[in-house]
Amino acid sequence: MDHSRIDVPALVSTGGYDYFLDASIEHCTLLHGDSRLTVGPWTHFTHDRDICGRDHGERASQDAVDWTGVHLGW
């Protein structure tokens, strides 16, 4: 991907247990402008709050994130 051609802000989200975590962080650092990175306590596929046998609480689920609010507040 040629990041130099991307000139609009991007919201990149990933999880601390996501196997794309490193790639998502690298992708976000290469973007220009007012891009944002959200890293939450989730994996790539699940929206559960219990990850790897550890309960991260009711606000840990991706479903608990107000993504519309994140976009509008940006």
Protein backbone atom coordinates (compact mmCIF):
# COMPACT_ATOMS: atom_id res chain seq x y z
CA MET A 1 0.00 0.00 0.00
CA ASP A 2 1.32 3.45 -0.90
CA HIS A 3 0.55 5.45 2.23
CA SER A 4 1.84 8.67 0.67
CA ARG A 5 -1.27 8.73 -1.56
CA ILE A 6 -3.69 8.62 1.38
CA ASP A 7 -4.53 12.18 2.33
CA VAL A 8 -7.68 11.71 4.42
CA PRO A 9 -7.81 10.85 8.12
CA ALA A 10 -8.33 7.19 8.98
CA LEU A 11 -9.56 5.47 12.10
CA VAL A 12 -7.63 2.25 12.63
CA SER A 13 -8.83 -0.14 15.31
CA THR A 14 -7.25 -3.34 16.58
CA GLY A 15 -7.12 -5.43 19.69
CA GLY A 16 -4.31 -6.17 22.08
CA TYR A 17 -4.87 -9.87 21.34
CA ASP A 18 -5.39 -9.34 17.59
CA TYR A 19 -2.89 -11.10 15.35
CA PHE A 20 -2.90 -7.96 13.17
CA LEU A 21 -1.88 -5.70 16.09
CA ASP A 22 1.66 -4.98 14.84
CA ALA A 23 0.50 -4.41 11.26
CA SER A 24 -2.28 -2.08 12.42
CA ILE A 25 0.14 0.00 14.49
CA GLU A 26 2.59 0.20 11.59
CA HIS A 27 -0.21 1.13 9.18
CA CYS A 28 -1.37 3.94 11.44
CA THR A 29 2.14 5.36 11.88
CA LEU A 30 2.55 5.58 8.11
CA LEU A 31 -0.67 7.53 7.59
CA HIS A 32 -0.62 11.30 7.26
CA GLY A 33 -2.95 13.83 8.80
CA ASP A 34 -5.25 13.42 11.75
CA SER A 35 -5.46 9.62 11.80
CA ARG A 36 -6.29 7.79 15.02
CA LEU A 37 -5.53 4.36 16.43
CA THR A 38 -7.78 2.53 18.90
CA VAL A 39 -6.40 -0.55 20.66
CA GLY A 40 -8.82 -2.41 22.88
CA PRO A 41 -8.68 -5.59 24.95
CA TRP A 42 -10.11 -7.87 22.26
CA THR A 43 -9.05 -10.37 19.61
CA HIS A 44 -9.63 -10.17 15.88
CA PHE A 45 -12.90 -12.09 15.72
CA THR A 46 -14.60 -11.99 19.10
CA HIS A 47 -16.54 -9.25 20.81
CA ASP A 48 -16.41 -11.05 24.16
CA ARG A 49 -15.09 -9.43 27.30
CA ASP A 50 -13.48 -12.72 28.39
CA ILE A 51 -10.25 -13.10 26.42
CA CYS A 52 -7.73 -15.88 27.01
CA GLY A 53 -9.41 -16.80 30.29
CA ARG A 54 -9.28 -13.26 31.65
CA ASP A 55 -12.40 -11.15 32.19
CA HIS A 56 -11.63 -7.60 31.08
CA GLY A 57 -14.94 -6.19 32.33
CA GLU A 58 -18.18 -5.08 30.74
CA ARG A 59 -16.58 -2.13 28.92
CA ALA A 60 -13.96 -4.33 27.24
CA SER A 61 -16.22 -5.61 24.47
CA GLN A 62 -16.04 -3.97 21.05
CA ASP A 63 -19.81 -3.70 21.38
CA ALA A 64 -19.29 -1.38 24.36
CA VAL A 65 -17.43 1.14 22.19
CA ASP A 66 -19.59 3.92 20.79
CA TRP A 67 -17.98 3.93 17.35
CA THR A 68 -20.38 6.58 16.06
CA GLY A 69 -19.39 8.79 19.01
CA VAL A 70 -15.71 8.13 18.27
CA HIS A 71 -16.19 9.26 14.66
CA LEU A 72 -18.28 12.31 15.56
CA GLY A 73 -15.95 13.36 18.37
CA TRP A 74 -12.97 13.22 16.07
